[in-house]
Amino acid sequence: MTETQKTSIEAIVDGVFEEREYAVAYSSDPDESSKTSITFSLDVWQGDYPPKKGQVVLLTGVEKFKKGWRARSARPIPYEQPETKNSRKVRE
């Protein structure tokens, strides 16, 4: 991750620390994944269930602070079923 602010990034949760109410994630981009951690508060988590280690999430409002990168919001990435030929047909 560069010094410039990234406002949205897909990341993989590496750890959830419920007692301290935050989680740590790393970019899912192979070029950046081992370099930079991004933390987010569990208060800003927008999922129905707490985040889990290994879960792919979307972090937004990512900003650099003295101690590292932080996301202002985090949410799970839902499964979207691909559209098929049959699903586009209109019944007569």
Protein backbone atom coordinates (compact mmCIF):
# COMPACT_ATOMS: atom_id res chain seq x y z
CA MET A 1 0.00 0.00 0.00
CA THR A 2 1.35 3.41 -0.87
CA GLU A 3 1.34 6.47 1.33
CA THR A 4 -1.59 7.81 -0.65
CA GLN A 5 -4.99 7.13 0.84
CA LYS A 6 -6.87 4.14 -0.51
CA THR A 7 -10.55 4.62 0.10
CA SER A 8 -11.74 1.05 -0.56
CA ILE A 9 -9.89 -2.25 -0.52
CA GLU A 10 -10.70 -5.97 -0.55
CA ALA A 11 -8.89 -7.67 2.31
CA ILE A 12 -8.60 -10.98 4.19
CA VAL A 13 -9.19 -11.03 7.95
CA ASP A 14 -6.11 -12.35 9.78
CA GLY A 15 -7.32 -11.98 13.35
CA VAL A 16 -10.32 -10.89 15.39
CA PHE A 17 -9.71 -9.60 18.90
CA GLU A 18 -13.14 -9.42 20.50
CA GLU A 19 -11.81 -8.47 23.94
CA ARG A 20 -10.17 -5.37 22.42
CA GLU A 21 -12.96 -4.90 19.85
CA TYR A 22 -10.93 -4.78 16.65
CA ALA A 23 -9.82 -6.95 13.74
CA VAL A 24 -6.73 -7.04 11.54
CA ALA A 25 -6.84 -7.69 7.80
CA TYR A 26 -4.35 -7.76 4.93
CA SER A 27 -4.95 -6.76 1.34
CA SER A 28 -6.11 -9.60 -0.92
CA ASP A 29 -3.85 -8.13 -3.63
CA PRO A 30 -0.89 -10.56 -3.87
CA ASP A 31 1.54 -7.66 -4.35
CA GLU A 32 0.48 -6.06 -1.05
CA SER A 33 -0.84 -8.93 1.08
CA SER A 34 2.24 -9.57 3.21
CA LYS A 35 3.27 -5.92 3.54
CA THR A 36 0.55 -3.92 5.23
CA SER A 37 -2.04 -4.64 7.88
CA ILE A 38 -5.28 -2.69 8.08
CA THR A 39 -7.23 -2.60 11.33
CA PHE A 40 -10.91 -1.93 11.84
CA SER A 41 -13.06 -1.56 14.92
CA LEU A 42 -15.77 -4.15 15.45
CA ASP A 43 -18.07 -1.16 16.03
CA VAL A 44 -17.87 -0.32 12.31
CA TRP A 45 -18.48 -3.94 11.16
CA GLN A 46 -21.60 -4.10 8.97
CA GLY A 47 -22.16 -7.85 8.89
CA ASP A 48 -24.89 -9.87 10.61
CA TYR A 49 -22.22 -11.98 12.35
CA PRO A 50 -18.76 -11.08 13.66
CA PRO A 51 -15.92 -11.29 11.12
CA LYS A 52 -13.94 -14.53 11.01
CA LYS A 53 -10.29 -15.29 10.29
CA GLY A 54 -9.84 -15.96 6.58
CA GLN A 55 -13.00 -14.08 5.59
CA VAL A 56 -12.73 -11.74 2.60
CA VAL A 57 -14.11 -8.31 3.47
CA LEU A 58 -14.48 -4.90 1.88
CA LEU A 59 -12.83 -2.11 3.84
CA THR A 60 -13.78 1.48 3.05
CA GLY A 61 -12.54 4.83 4.23
CA VAL A 62 -9.03 3.41 4.61
CA GLU A 63 -6.66 6.03 6.00
CA LYS A 64 -3.09 6.19 7.27
CA PHE A 65 -2.49 7.02 10.94
CA LYS A 66 0.68 7.22 13.05
CA LYS A 67 0.38 3.54 14.00
CA GLY A 68 -0.77 2.27 10.59
CA TRP A 69 -3.74 1.91 8.28
CA ARG A 70 -7.33 1.94 9.58
CA ALA A 71 -10.67 1.43 7.90
CA ARG A 72 -13.67 3.53 8.84
CA SER A 73 -16.08 0.76 7.81
CA ALA A 74 -15.93 -2.94 7.02
CA ARG A 75 -18.44 -5.39 5.59
CA PRO A 76 -18.57 -8.94 4.30
CA ILE A 77 -18.60 -9.53 0.55
CA PRO A 78 -21.83 -11.42 -0.23
CA TYR A 79 -22.12 -14.19 -2.78
CA GLU A 80 -23.79 -13.06 -5.97
CA GLN A 81 -25.15 -15.80 -8.17
CA PRO A 82 -23.95 -15.38 -11.75
CA GLU A 83 -26.69 -14.62 -14.26
CA THR A 84 -27.39 -17.49 -16.65
CA LYS A 85 -29.22 -17.65 -19.99
CA ASN A 86 -32.22 -19.30 -18.35
CA SER A 87 -32.49 -16.74 -15.55
CA ARG A 88 -32.82 -13.94 -18.11
CA LYS A 89 -35.73 -15.51 -20.03
CA VAL A 90 -39.10 -13.99 -19.41
CA ARG A 91 -41.99 -16.44 -19.08
CA GLU A 92 -44.85 -15.89 -21.45
